[in-house]
Amino acid sequence: MQQLPIVLPGQRVVAKSDGKGRLVLTVETVMGREFLASEDISGYLLAARLQMDILGTLTLPPSWYKVWCKLLAGQDPTRKAVVRGYIPITQRGLQEGCRLSSPSVSEATQFWMHIGWMRNARRGLVQLNPWLNVAGTSSEQKQWQEEWIDAGGPVCVIPDDDFIAAWRDERAQVKAEAKAAREAVRKTQKVVPLTRRPKPPGRRKAASA
């Protein structure tokens, strides 16, 4: 193994294999706290311990966990700078990636948006809260925070089980009220019977001589 490199502030040591059984150490500039990493996926989290502690404490539906993990995995620091702070993904993409139904994905994304952990930037493009997750440099984080504020992004909430239960109850009540309103409108609408036009008399066959 080579001599240990000198690590300066803002840097970290990365250990890799050279494919011949030897360990190669390199120094990289820290772009955040690495949370997910594989050959083709990498993402960064500012407070992984805090966020995992929150997620490990809450009683969340498994589908909500799956959607959040898929969103985290969608961070890609190798994208072009203009889109690096955002995740190009659709509801259908989340359904296929998480192997979930449309209602399950819809409920999960609405919850994460409600507590301010993500927002819809535009159709097919979401932004994770840049105070929680950043796949970029500190200057990019500042820029993405400003974009979040300018877009009126929701305030981040650290929920508990009571919050989750209240949110689901409120959604159920809103749906029930909307259904009752539709039924009331349907019952008050007068049904106007259609007048049938009389059939024209059929042509009689001429009597044979």
N, C-alpha and C. Protein backbone atom coordinates (compact mmCIF):
# COMPACT_ATOMS: atom_id res chain seq x y z
N MET A 1 0.85 -1.19 0.00
CA MET A 1 0.00 0.00 0.00
C MET A 1 0.88 1.24 0.00
N GLN A 2 0.46 2.24 -0.75
CA GLN A 2 1.24 3.47 -0.86
C GLN A 2 1.20 4.25 0.45
N GLN A 3 2.05 5.26 0.50
CA GLN A 3 2.08 6.11 1.68
C GLN A 3 0.74 6.84 1.84
N LEU A 4 0.27 6.97 3.08
CA LEU A 4 -1.00 7.62 3.33
C LEU A 4 -0.96 9.08 2.87
N PRO A 5 -1.96 9.51 2.11
CA PRO A 5 -1.96 10.88 1.61
C PRO A 5 -2.29 11.88 2.70
N ILE A 6 -1.88 13.11 2.48
CA ILE A 6 -2.22 14.20 3.40
C ILE A 6 -3.60 14.72 3.03
N VAL A 7 -4.50 14.76 3.99
CA VAL A 7 -5.88 15.20 3.75
C VAL A 7 -6.06 16.60 4.30
N LEU A 8 -6.42 17.51 3.44
CA LEU A 8 -6.64 18.91 3.81
C LEU A 8 -8.11 19.13 4.17
N PRO A 9 -8.43 20.23 4.83
CA PRO A 9 -9.84 20.52 5.13
C PRO A 9 -10.69 20.53 3.86
N GLY A 10 -11.84 19.91 3.93
CA GLY A 10 -12.70 19.84 2.75
C GLY A 10 -12.38 18.69 1.83
N GLN A 11 -11.48 17.80 2.25
CA GLN A 11 -11.12 16.64 1.43
C GLN A 11 -11.36 15.35 2.20
N ARG A 12 -11.30 14.23 1.50
CA ARG A 12 -11.46 12.93 2.13
C ARG A 12 -10.63 11.90 1.37
N VAL A 13 -10.31 10.82 2.04
CA VAL A 13 -9.57 9.72 1.42
C VAL A 13 -10.56 8.69 0.89
N VAL A 14 -10.35 8.26 -0.34
CA VAL A 14 -11.18 7.24 -0.97
C VAL A 14 -10.31 6.03 -1.26
N ALA A 15 -10.73 4.87 -0.80
CA ALA A 15 -9.98 3.64 -1.01
C ALA A 15 -10.62 2.85 -2.15
N LYS A 16 -9.80 2.44 -3.11
CA LYS A 16 -10.28 1.65 -4.25
C LYS A 16 -9.29 0.53 -4.54
N SER A 17 -9.78 -0.51 -5.20
CA SER A 17 -8.92 -1.62 -5.60
C SER A 17 -8.42 -1.38 -7.01
N ASP A 18 -7.17 -1.76 -7.27
CA ASP A 18 -6.63 -1.60 -8.61
C ASP A 18 -6.88 -2.84 -9.47
N GLY A 19 -7.63 -3.80 -8.94
CA GLY A 19 -7.94 -5.02 -9.69
C GLY A 19 -6.87 -6.09 -9.60
N LYS A 20 -5.76 -5.80 -8.91
CA LYS A 20 -4.67 -6.76 -8.77
C LYS A 20 -4.41 -7.08 -7.30
N GLY A 21 -5.42 -6.82 -6.47
CA GLY A 21 -5.27 -7.13 -5.05
C GLY A 21 -4.61 -6.04 -4.25
N ARG A 22 -4.35 -4.90 -4.87
CA ARG A 22 -3.72 -3.81 -4.13
C ARG A 22 -4.71 -2.69 -3.88
N LEU A 23 -4.54 -2.02 -2.75
CA LEU A 23 -5.43 -0.93 -2.36
C LEU A 23 -4.82 0.39 -2.81
N VAL A 24 -5.61 1.20 -3.50
CA VAL A 24 -5.17 2.50 -3.98
C VAL A 24 -5.94 3.58 -3.24
N LEU A 25 -5.20 4.49 -2.63
CA LEU A 25 -5.82 5.58 -1.89
C LEU A 25 -5.71 6.88 -2.68
N THR A 26 -6.84 7.56 -2.81
CA THR A 26 -6.84 8.85 -3.49
C THR A 26 -7.55 9.87 -2.62
N VAL A 27 -7.30 11.14 -2.90
CA VAL A 27 -7.92 12.23 -2.15
C VAL A 27 -8.94 12.91 -3.06
N GLU A 28 -10.15 13.09 -2.55
CA GLU A 28 -11.20 13.76 -3.31
C GLU A 28 -11.76 14.91 -2.48
N THR A 29 -12.27 15.91 -3.18
CA THR A 29 -12.93 17.02 -2.49
C THR A 29 -14.30 16.57 -2.02
N VAL A 30 -14.62 16.85 -0.78
CA VAL A 30 -15.90 16.45 -0.21
C VAL A 30 -17.00 17.29 -0.82
N MET A 31 -18.01 16.63 -1.40
CA MET A 31 -19.16 17.32 -1.97
C MET A 31 -20.40 17.13 -1.11
N GLY A 32 -20.27 16.51 0.02
CA GLY A 32 -21.41 16.22 0.88
C GLY A 32 -21.11 14.94 1.63
N ARG A 33 -22.03 14.48 2.40
CA ARG A 33 -21.84 13.21 3.10
C ARG A 33 -22.42 12.11 2.26
N GLU A 34 -21.60 11.15 1.86
CA GLU A 34 -22.08 10.11 0.97
C GLU A 34 -23.04 9.19 1.70
N PHE A 35 -24.17 8.93 1.05
CA PHE A 35 -25.21 8.12 1.67
C PHE A 35 -25.45 6.85 0.86
N LEU A 36 -25.59 6.97 -0.44
CA LEU A 36 -25.81 5.82 -1.31
C LEU A 36 -24.69 5.78 -2.33
N ALA A 37 -24.14 4.60 -2.55
CA ALA A 37 -23.07 4.50 -3.53
C ALA A 37 -23.01 3.10 -4.10
N SER A 38 -22.83 3.01 -5.39
CA SER A 38 -22.59 1.75 -6.08
C SER A 38 -21.86 2.11 -7.36
N GLU A 39 -21.77 1.18 -8.29
CA GLU A 39 -21.05 1.48 -9.51
C GLU A 39 -21.72 2.57 -10.33
N ASP A 40 -23.05 2.64 -10.25
CA ASP A 40 -23.75 3.61 -11.09
C ASP A 40 -24.69 4.53 -10.31
N ILE A 41 -24.70 4.47 -8.99
CA ILE A 41 -25.57 5.33 -8.17
C ILE A 41 -24.75 5.98 -7.07
N SER A 42 -24.91 7.25 -6.89
CA SER A 42 -24.28 7.92 -5.75
C SER A 42 -25.14 9.11 -5.37
N GLY A 43 -25.27 9.36 -4.08
CA GLY A 43 -26.05 10.48 -3.60
C GLY A 43 -25.44 10.99 -2.31
N TYR A 44 -25.80 12.17 -1.91
CA TYR A 44 -25.20 12.77 -0.73
C TYR A 44 -26.28 13.28 0.21
N LEU A 45 -26.01 13.18 1.47
CA LEU A 45 -26.96 13.56 2.50
C LEU A 45 -26.20 14.39 3.54
N LEU A 46 -26.76 15.52 3.94
CA LEU A 46 -26.06 16.39 4.88
C LEU A 46 -26.10 15.85 6.30
N ALA A 47 -27.24 15.26 6.67
CA ALA A 47 -27.37 14.76 8.04
C ALA A 47 -27.94 13.35 7.98
N ALA A 48 -27.13 12.41 7.51
CA ALA A 48 -27.59 11.04 7.33
C ALA A 48 -28.03 10.44 8.66
N ARG A 49 -27.27 10.66 9.70
CA ARG A 49 -27.57 10.07 11.00
C ARG A 49 -28.91 10.59 11.52
N LEU A 50 -29.13 11.90 11.41
CA LEU A 50 -30.38 12.48 11.86
C LEU A 50 -31.55 11.95 11.05
N GLN A 51 -31.41 11.93 9.73
CA GLN A 51 -32.52 11.51 8.89
C GLN A 51 -32.83 10.03 9.08
N MET A 52 -31.81 9.20 9.17
CA MET A 52 -32.05 7.77 9.39
C MET A 52 -32.66 7.52 10.77
N ASP A 53 -32.28 8.34 11.74
CA ASP A 53 -32.87 8.22 13.08
C ASP A 53 -34.35 8.55 13.03
N ILE A 54 -34.71 9.59 12.26
CA ILE A 54 -36.12 9.97 12.12
C ILE A 54 -36.90 8.86 11.41
N LEU A 55 -36.37 8.39 10.29
CA LEU A 55 -37.07 7.36 9.52
C LEU A 55 -37.15 6.04 10.28
N GLY A 56 -36.14 5.75 11.10
CA GLY A 56 -36.15 4.52 11.87
C GLY A 56 -37.10 4.56 13.05
N THR A 57 -37.49 5.76 13.46
CA THR A 57 -38.39 5.91 14.60
C THR A 57 -39.85 5.92 14.18
N LEU A 58 -40.12 6.50 13.01
CA LEU A 58 -41.50 6.65 12.56
C LEU A 58 -42.11 5.31 12.14
N THR A 59 -43.42 5.21 12.30
CA THR A 59 -44.15 4.05 11.79
C THR A 59 -44.74 4.44 10.44
N LEU A 60 -43.91 4.30 9.40
CA LEU A 60 -44.33 4.68 8.06
C LEU A 60 -44.74 3.45 7.26
N PRO A 61 -45.67 3.61 6.34
CA PRO A 61 -45.97 2.51 5.42
C PRO A 61 -44.71 2.15 4.63
N PRO A 62 -44.49 0.87 4.37
CA PRO A 62 -43.29 0.47 3.60
C PRO A 62 -43.17 1.18 2.26
N SER A 63 -44.31 1.48 1.63
CA SER A 63 -44.27 2.15 0.33
C SER A 63 -43.66 3.54 0.44
N TRP A 64 -43.87 4.21 1.57
CA TRP A 64 -43.29 5.55 1.74
C TRP A 64 -41.77 5.46 1.83
N TYR A 65 -41.27 4.46 2.54
CA TYR A 65 -39.82 4.26 2.61
C TYR A 65 -39.24 4.00 1.23
N LYS A 66 -39.90 3.12 0.47
CA LYS A 66 -39.39 2.74 -0.84
C LYS A 66 -39.31 3.95 -1.76
N VAL A 67 -40.34 4.77 -1.76
CA VAL A 67 -40.35 5.96 -2.62
C VAL A 67 -39.24 6.92 -2.21
N TRP A 68 -39.06 7.13 -0.90
CA TRP A 68 -38.02 8.06 -0.46
C TRP A 68 -36.63 7.55 -0.83
N CYS A 69 -36.40 6.26 -0.65
CA CYS A 69 -35.09 5.69 -1.01
C CYS A 69 -34.84 5.81 -2.50
N LYS A 70 -35.87 5.61 -3.31
CA LYS A 70 -35.71 5.74 -4.76
C LYS A 70 -35.40 7.18 -5.15
N LEU A 71 -36.02 8.13 -4.45
CA LEU A 71 -35.72 9.54 -4.73
C LEU A 71 -34.29 9.88 -4.34
N LEU A 72 -33.84 9.40 -3.19
CA LEU A 72 -32.46 9.64 -2.78
C LEU A 72 -31.48 9.06 -3.79
N ALA A 73 -31.79 7.86 -4.27
CA ALA A 73 -30.91 7.22 -5.25
C ALA A 73 -30.89 7.96 -6.58
N GLY A 74 -31.92 8.77 -6.82
CA GLY A 74 -31.98 9.51 -8.08
C GLY A 74 -31.06 10.70 -8.13
N GLN A 75 -30.43 11.05 -7.02
CA GLN A 75 -29.46 12.16 -7.03
C GLN A 75 -28.23 11.74 -7.83
N ASP A 76 -27.76 12.62 -8.67
CA ASP A 76 -26.62 12.28 -9.52
C ASP A 76 -25.71 13.50 -9.66
N PRO A 77 -24.57 13.50 -8.95
CA PRO A 77 -23.66 14.65 -9.03
C PRO A 77 -22.91 14.76 -10.35
N THR A 78 -23.10 13.78 -11.25
CA THR A 78 -22.40 13.84 -12.54
C THR A 78 -23.24 14.52 -13.62
N ARG A 79 -24.47 14.89 -13.29
CA ARG A 79 -25.31 15.57 -14.28
C ARG A 79 -24.78 16.97 -14.55
N LYS A 80 -25.28 17.57 -15.60
CA LYS A 80 -24.91 18.95 -15.90
C LYS A 80 -25.34 19.85 -14.75
N ALA A 81 -24.60 20.91 -14.55
CA ALA A 81 -24.83 21.78 -13.39
C ALA A 81 -26.24 22.34 -13.36
N VAL A 82 -26.83 22.60 -14.54
CA VAL A 82 -28.14 23.24 -14.57
C VAL A 82 -29.24 22.32 -14.06
N VAL A 83 -29.02 21.01 -14.05
CA VAL A 83 -30.06 20.08 -13.58
C VAL A 83 -29.57 19.18 -12.46
N ARG A 84 -28.36 19.39 -11.98
CA ARG A 84 -27.79 18.48 -10.99
C ARG A 84 -28.55 18.50 -9.67
N GLY A 85 -29.13 19.61 -9.32
CA GLY A 85 -29.85 19.69 -8.05
C GLY A 85 -31.27 19.16 -8.12
N TYR A 86 -31.65 18.56 -9.24
CA TYR A 86 -33.00 18.09 -9.43
C TYR A 86 -32.98 16.63 -9.90
N ILE A 87 -34.12 15.96 -9.75
CA ILE A 87 -34.22 14.54 -10.11
C ILE A 87 -35.28 14.39 -11.19
N PRO A 88 -34.89 13.99 -12.39
CA PRO A 88 -35.89 13.74 -13.44
C PRO A 88 -36.56 12.40 -13.22
N ILE A 89 -37.78 12.43 -12.73
CA ILE A 89 -38.51 11.20 -12.47
C ILE A 89 -40.00 11.49 -12.49
N THR A 90 -40.78 10.54 -12.93
CA THR A 90 -42.23 10.69 -13.02
C THR A 90 -42.90 9.71 -12.06
N GLN A 91 -44.21 9.89 -11.88
CA GLN A 91 -44.98 8.97 -11.05
C GLN A 91 -44.89 7.55 -11.63
N ARG A 92 -44.97 7.45 -12.95
CA ARG A 92 -44.87 6.14 -13.58
C ARG A 92 -43.48 5.53 -13.35
N GLY A 93 -42.45 6.38 -13.42
CA GLY A 93 -41.10 5.88 -13.16
C GLY A 93 -40.95 5.37 -11.74
N LEU A 94 -41.55 6.08 -10.78
CA LEU A 94 -41.51 5.62 -9.39
C LEU A 94 -42.31 4.32 -9.22
N GLN A 95 -43.42 4.21 -9.91
CA GLN A 95 -44.22 2.99 -9.83
C GLN A 95 -43.40 1.79 -10.31
N GLU A 96 -42.74 1.96 -11.45
CA GLU A 96 -41.97 0.86 -12.01
C GLU A 96 -40.73 0.57 -11.16
N GLY A 97 -40.05 1.64 -10.71
CA GLY A 97 -38.83 1.45 -9.94
C GLY A 97 -39.07 0.85 -8.57
N CYS A 98 -40.18 1.25 -7.94
CA CYS A 98 -40.50 0.76 -6.59
C CYS A 98 -41.42 -0.46 -6.61
N ARG A 99 -41.95 -0.78 -7.80
CA ARG A 99 -42.92 -1.88 -7.93
C ARG A 99 -44.12 -1.65 -7.02
N LEU A 100 -44.69 -0.46 -7.18
CA LEU A 100 -45.84 -0.07 -6.37
C LEU A 100 -46.98 0.37 -7.28
N SER A 101 -48.18 0.39 -6.72
CA SER A 101 -49.34 0.86 -7.46
C SER A 101 -49.35 2.38 -7.54
N SER A 102 -50.15 2.90 -8.44
CA SER A 102 -50.25 4.35 -8.60
C SER A 102 -50.74 5.04 -7.32
N PRO A 103 -51.80 4.53 -6.64
CA PRO A 103 -52.23 5.19 -5.39
C PRO A 103 -51.16 5.19 -4.30
N SER A 104 -50.36 4.11 -4.22
CA SER A 104 -49.31 4.05 -3.19
C SER A 104 -48.24 5.09 -3.44
N VAL A 105 -47.82 5.23 -4.70
CA VAL A 105 -46.80 6.23 -5.04
C VAL A 105 -47.36 7.64 -4.85
N SER A 106 -48.61 7.84 -5.24
CA SER A 106 -49.21 9.17 -5.11
C SER A 106 -49.29 9.59 -3.64
N GLU A 107 -49.71 8.68 -2.77
CA GLU A 107 -49.81 9.02 -1.35
C GLU A 107 -48.44 9.33 -0.77
N ALA A 108 -47.43 8.52 -1.14
CA ALA A 108 -46.09 8.72 -0.61
C ALA A 108 -45.52 10.07 -1.04
N THR A 109 -45.60 10.40 -2.32
CA THR A 109 -45.03 11.66 -2.80
C THR A 109 -45.78 12.86 -2.20
N GLN A 110 -47.10 12.73 -2.05
CA GLN A 110 -47.85 13.84 -1.44
C GLN A 110 -47.44 14.05 0.01
N PHE A 111 -47.14 12.95 0.73
CA PHE A 111 -46.70 13.10 2.12
C PHE A 111 -45.34 13.78 2.18
N TRP A 112 -44.38 13.34 1.36
CA TRP A 112 -43.04 13.93 1.41
C TRP A 112 -43.08 15.40 1.01
N MET A 113 -43.99 15.75 0.09
CA MET A 113 -44.12 17.16 -0.27
C MET A 113 -44.79 17.94 0.85
N HIS A 114 -45.75 17.32 1.51
CA HIS A 114 -46.47 18.01 2.59
C HIS A 114 -45.54 18.39 3.73
N ILE A 115 -44.58 17.52 4.05
CA ILE A 115 -43.67 17.84 5.16
C ILE A 115 -42.42 18.59 4.68
N GLY A 116 -42.39 18.94 3.39
CA GLY A 116 -41.31 19.79 2.89
C GLY A 116 -39.99 19.10 2.67
N TRP A 117 -40.01 17.79 2.42
CA TRP A 117 -38.77 17.08 2.12
C TRP A 117 -38.51 17.04 0.62
N MET A 118 -39.50 17.40 -0.18
CA MET A 118 -39.35 17.46 -1.63
C MET A 118 -40.41 18.39 -2.19
N ARG A 119 -40.24 18.76 -3.44
CA ARG A 119 -41.24 19.56 -4.13
C ARG A 119 -41.20 19.23 -5.61
N ASN A 120 -42.31 19.47 -6.29
CA ASN A 120 -42.38 19.31 -7.74
C ASN A 120 -41.88 20.61 -8.38
N ALA A 121 -40.74 20.53 -9.07
CA ALA A 121 -40.23 21.72 -9.75
C ALA A 121 -41.05 22.00 -11.01
N ARG A 122 -41.30 20.95 -11.76
CA ARG A 122 -42.19 20.99 -12.91
C ARG A 122 -42.52 19.55 -13.27
N ARG A 123 -43.29 19.35 -14.28
CA ARG A 123 -43.72 18.00 -14.64
C ARG A 123 -42.50 17.11 -14.92
N GLY A 124 -42.41 16.02 -14.18
CA GLY A 124 -41.32 15.07 -14.39
C GLY A 124 -40.00 15.49 -13.77
N LEU A 125 -40.00 16.51 -12.91
CA LEU A 125 -38.76 16.98 -12.29
C LEU A 125 -39.04 17.38 -10.84
N VAL A 126 -38.36 16.74 -9.90
CA VAL A 126 -38.55 17.04 -8.48
C VAL A 126 -37.25 17.53 -7.88
N GLN A 127 -37.37 18.25 -6.78
CA GLN A 127 -36.21 18.74 -6.04
C GLN A 127 -36.34 18.30 -4.60
N LEU A 128 -35.30 17.63 -4.08
CA LEU A 128 -35.29 17.30 -2.67
C LEU A 128 -34.86 18.53 -1.87
N ASN A 129 -35.33 18.61 -0.64
CA ASN A 129 -35.04 19.78 0.18
C ASN A 129 -33.53 19.98 0.30
N PRO A 130 -32.99 21.09 -0.20
CA PRO A 130 -31.54 21.29 -0.20
C PRO A 130 -30.94 21.55 1.18
N TRP A 131 -31.77 21.65 2.21
CA TRP A 131 -31.24 21.73 3.56
C TRP A 131 -31.04 20.32 4.14
N LEU A 132 -31.64 19.32 3.50
CA LEU A 132 -31.50 17.93 3.94
C LEU A 132 -30.59 17.12 3.04
N ASN A 133 -30.67 17.34 1.73
CA ASN A 133 -29.96 16.51 0.76
C ASN A 133 -29.31 17.38 -0.31
N VAL A 134 -28.05 17.16 -0.54
CA VAL A 134 -27.34 17.93 -1.56
C VAL A 134 -26.36 17.01 -2.29
N ALA A 135 -26.51 16.91 -3.60
CA ALA A 135 -25.54 16.20 -4.43
C ALA A 135 -24.79 17.27 -5.22
N GLY A 136 -23.92 17.99 -4.53
CA GLY A 136 -23.19 19.07 -5.17
C GLY A 136 -22.30 19.78 -4.18
N THR A 137 -21.77 20.90 -4.59
CA THR A 137 -20.86 21.67 -3.76
C THR A 137 -21.63 22.60 -2.83
N SER A 138 -20.91 23.24 -1.91
CA SER A 138 -21.56 24.16 -0.98
C SER A 138 -22.14 25.37 -1.72
N SER A 139 -21.48 25.83 -2.76
CA SER A 139 -22.02 26.96 -3.52
C SER A 139 -23.28 26.56 -4.26
N GLU A 140 -23.31 25.31 -4.77
CA GLU A 140 -24.52 24.83 -5.43
C GLU A 140 -25.65 24.66 -4.42
N GLN A 141 -25.30 24.22 -3.23
CA GLN A 141 -26.33 24.09 -2.19
C GLN A 141 -26.98 25.45 -1.93
N LYS A 142 -26.18 26.49 -1.83
CA LYS A 142 -26.70 27.84 -1.60
C LYS A 142 -27.63 28.24 -2.74
N GLN A 143 -27.23 27.94 -3.97
CA GLN A 143 -28.04 28.28 -5.13
C GLN A 143 -29.37 27.53 -5.10
N TRP A 144 -29.33 26.23 -4.78
CA TRP A 144 -30.55 25.42 -4.77
C TRP A 144 -31.47 25.82 -3.62
N GLN A 145 -30.90 26.27 -2.52
CA GLN A 145 -31.72 26.77 -1.42
C GLN A 145 -32.47 28.04 -1.85
N GLU A 146 -31.78 28.90 -2.57
CA GLU A 146 -32.41 30.12 -3.06
C GLU A 146 -33.53 29.78 -4.05
N GLU A 147 -33.29 28.78 -4.90
CA GLU A 147 -34.32 28.38 -5.87
C GLU A 147 -35.53 27.78 -5.15
N TRP A 148 -35.27 27.04 -4.08
CA TRP A 148 -36.36 26.47 -3.29
C TRP A 148 -37.23 27.58 -2.68
N ILE A 149 -36.57 28.60 -2.13
CA ILE A 149 -37.29 29.72 -1.51
C ILE A 149 -38.06 30.51 -2.57
N ASP A 150 -37.40 30.81 -3.70
CA ASP A 150 -38.05 31.58 -4.77
C ASP A 150 -39.28 30.85 -5.32
N ALA A 151 -39.23 29.52 -5.31
CA ALA A 151 -40.35 28.74 -5.83
C ALA A 151 -41.45 28.54 -4.79
N GLY A 152 -41.26 29.07 -3.59
CA GLY A 152 -42.26 28.90 -2.54
C GLY A 152 -42.30 27.49 -2.00
N GLY A 153 -41.13 26.84 -1.96
CA GLY A 153 -41.07 25.47 -1.45
C GLY A 153 -41.54 25.38 -0.02
N PRO A 154 -42.17 24.25 0.35
CA PRO A 154 -42.73 24.12 1.70
C PRO A 154 -41.64 24.07 2.77
N VAL A 155 -42.01 24.48 3.96
CA VAL A 155 -41.09 24.45 5.11
C VAL A 155 -40.91 23.01 5.56
N CYS A 156 -39.68 22.65 5.88
CA CYS A 156 -39.39 21.28 6.30
C CYS A 156 -39.98 21.00 7.68
N VAL A 157 -40.63 19.85 7.81
CA VAL A 157 -41.24 19.42 9.06
C VAL A 157 -40.63 18.08 9.46
N ILE A 158 -40.31 17.93 10.74
CA ILE A 158 -39.87 16.64 11.27
C ILE A 158 -41.10 16.00 11.91
N PRO A 159 -41.73 15.04 11.24
CA PRO A 159 -43.00 14.52 11.73
C PRO A 159 -42.83 13.46 12.81
N ASP A 160 -43.91 13.21 13.52
CA ASP A 160 -43.96 12.06 14.43
C ASP A 160 -45.18 11.23 14.04
N ASP A 161 -45.42 10.15 14.76
CA ASP A 161 -46.51 9.27 14.40
C ASP A 161 -47.87 9.97 14.51
N ASP A 162 -48.03 10.86 15.49
CA ASP A 162 -49.29 11.59 15.63
C ASP A 162 -49.53 12.48 14.42
N PHE A 163 -48.46 13.08 13.91
CA PHE A 163 -48.57 13.94 12.73
C PHE A 163 -49.03 13.12 11.52
N ILE A 164 -48.43 11.95 11.35
CA ILE A 164 -48.76 11.09 10.20
C ILE A 164 -50.22 10.64 10.27
N ALA A 165 -50.65 10.21 11.46
CA ALA A 165 -52.03 9.75 11.62
C ALA A 165 -53.01 10.89 11.35
N ALA A 166 -52.70 12.09 11.84
CA ALA A 166 -53.58 13.24 11.63
C ALA A 166 -53.65 13.59 10.15
N TRP A 167 -52.51 13.50 9.46
CA TRP A 167 -52.47 13.82 8.03
C TRP A 167 -53.33 12.84 7.23
N ARG A 168 -53.24 11.56 7.53
CA ARG A 168 -54.03 10.56 6.82
C ARG A 168 -55.52 10.73 7.13
N ASP A 169 -55.85 11.04 8.39
CA ASP A 169 -57.25 11.25 8.76
C ASP A 169 -57.82 12.47 8.02
N GLU A 170 -57.00 13.52 7.93
CA GLU A 170 -57.46 14.73 7.23
C GLU A 170 -57.69 14.45 5.75
N ARG A 171 -56.79 13.68 5.14
CA ARG A 171 -56.97 13.32 3.72
C ARG A 171 -58.24 12.50 3.53
N ALA A 172 -58.47 11.55 4.43
CA ALA A 172 -59.67 10.72 4.33
C ALA A 172 -60.93 11.56 4.47
N GLN A 173 -60.90 12.55 5.38
CA GLN A 173 -62.06 13.41 5.59
C GLN A 173 -62.32 14.28 4.36
N VAL A 174 -61.25 14.81 3.76
CA VAL A 174 -61.40 15.64 2.56
C VAL A 174 -62.00 14.82 1.43
N LYS A 175 -61.53 13.58 1.26
CA LYS A 175 -62.07 12.71 0.21
C LYS A 175 -63.54 12.41 0.45
N ALA A 176 -63.90 12.15 1.74
CA ALA A 176 -65.29 11.84 2.06
C ALA A 176 -66.19 13.04 1.80
N GLU A 177 -65.71 14.25 2.16
CA GLU A 177 -66.50 15.45 1.92
C GLU A 177 -66.68 15.71 0.43
N ALA A 178 -65.63 15.48 -0.34
CA ALA A 178 -65.72 15.68 -1.79
C ALA A 178 -66.70 14.69 -2.41
N LYS A 179 -66.67 13.45 -1.93
CA LYS A 179 -67.60 12.44 -2.45
C LYS A 179 -69.03 12.79 -2.09
N ALA A 180 -69.26 13.26 -0.84
CA ALA A 180 -70.61 13.64 -0.42
C ALA A 180 -71.12 14.82 -1.24
N ALA A 181 -70.23 15.78 -1.55
CA ALA A 181 -70.64 16.93 -2.35
C ALA A 181 -71.03 16.50 -3.76
N ARG A 182 -70.29 15.56 -4.34
CA ARG A 182 -70.64 15.06 -5.68
C ARG A 182 -71.98 14.35 -5.66
N GLU A 183 -72.21 13.56 -4.60
CA GLU A 183 -73.49 12.85 -4.50
C GLU A 183 -74.64 13.83 -4.35
N ALA A 184 -74.44 14.90 -3.56
CA ALA A 184 -75.50 15.89 -3.37
C ALA A 184 -75.84 16.58 -4.68
N VAL A 185 -74.81 16.92 -5.47
CA VAL A 185 -75.05 17.57 -6.76
C VAL A 185 -75.79 16.62 -7.70
N ARG A 186 -75.40 15.37 -7.66
CA ARG A 186 -76.03 14.39 -8.56
C ARG A 186 -77.51 14.22 -8.22
N LYS A 187 -77.84 14.24 -6.92
CA LYS A 187 -79.23 14.05 -6.51
C LYS A 187 -80.11 15.26 -6.83
N THR A 188 -79.51 16.46 -6.80
CA THR A 188 -80.31 17.66 -7.06
C THR A 188 -80.49 17.94 -8.54
N GLN A 189 -79.71 17.30 -9.36
CA GLN A 189 -79.84 17.51 -10.80
C GLN A 189 -81.11 16.84 -11.31
N LYS A 190 -81.92 17.59 -12.08
CA LYS A 190 -83.13 17.04 -12.64
C LYS A 190 -82.81 16.24 -13.90
N VAL A 191 -83.38 15.09 -13.96
CA VAL A 191 -83.18 14.26 -15.14
C VAL A 191 -84.29 14.56 -16.13
N VAL A 192 -83.94 15.10 -17.26
CA VAL A 192 -84.93 15.46 -18.28
C VAL A 192 -85.04 14.29 -19.25
N PRO A 193 -86.22 13.66 -19.32
CA PRO A 193 -86.36 12.53 -20.24
C PRO A 193 -86.28 13.00 -21.68
N LEU A 194 -85.64 12.23 -22.49
CA LEU A 194 -85.53 12.56 -23.90
C LEU A 194 -86.84 12.20 -24.60
N THR A 195 -87.33 13.13 -25.41
CA THR A 195 -88.55 12.86 -26.19
C THR A 195 -88.17 12.07 -27.42
N ARG A 196 -88.88 11.01 -27.61
CA ARG A 196 -88.60 10.17 -28.77
C ARG A 196 -89.41 10.66 -29.98
N ARG A 197 -88.77 10.76 -31.07
CA ARG A 197 -89.47 11.14 -32.29
C ARG A 197 -90.27 9.94 -32.80
N PRO A 198 -91.46 10.22 -33.26
CA PRO A 198 -92.25 9.10 -33.81
C PRO A 198 -91.58 8.53 -35.04
N LYS A 199 -91.65 7.24 -35.14
CA LYS A 199 -91.04 6.59 -36.31
C LYS A 199 -91.84 6.92 -37.56
N PRO A 200 -91.17 7.22 -38.62
CA PRO A 200 -91.92 7.49 -39.88
C PRO A 200 -92.61 6.22 -40.36
N PRO A 201 -93.80 6.38 -40.91
CA PRO A 201 -94.51 5.17 -41.37
C PRO A 201 -93.70 4.45 -42.44
N GLY A 202 -93.67 3.17 -42.31
CA GLY A 202 -92.92 2.40 -43.30
C GLY A 202 -93.64 2.33 -44.63
N ARG A 203 -92.87 2.19 -45.66
CA ARG A 203 -93.46 2.10 -46.99
C ARG A 203 -94.14 0.74 -47.16
N ARG A 204 -95.40 0.81 -47.58
CA ARG A 204 -96.10 -0.42 -47.85
C ARG A 204 -95.76 -0.95 -49.24
N LYS A 205 -95.62 -2.22 -49.28
CA LYS A 205 -95.35 -2.82 -50.58
C LYS A 205 -96.59 -2.72 -51.46
N ALA A 206 -96.39 -2.39 -52.67
CA ALA A 206 -97.51 -2.30 -53.61
C ALA A 206 -98.13 -3.68 -53.81
N ALA A 207 -99.46 -3.71 -53.76
CA ALA A 207 -100.14 -5.00 -53.94
C ALA A 207 -99.90 -5.50 -55.33
N SER A 208 -99.66 -6.74 -55.46
CA SER A 208 -99.41 -7.31 -56.79
C SER A 208 -100.71 -7.42 -57.56
N ALA A 209 -100.65 -7.11 -58.81
CA ALA A 209 -101.86 -7.14 -59.64
C ALA A 209 -102.30 -8.55 -59.86
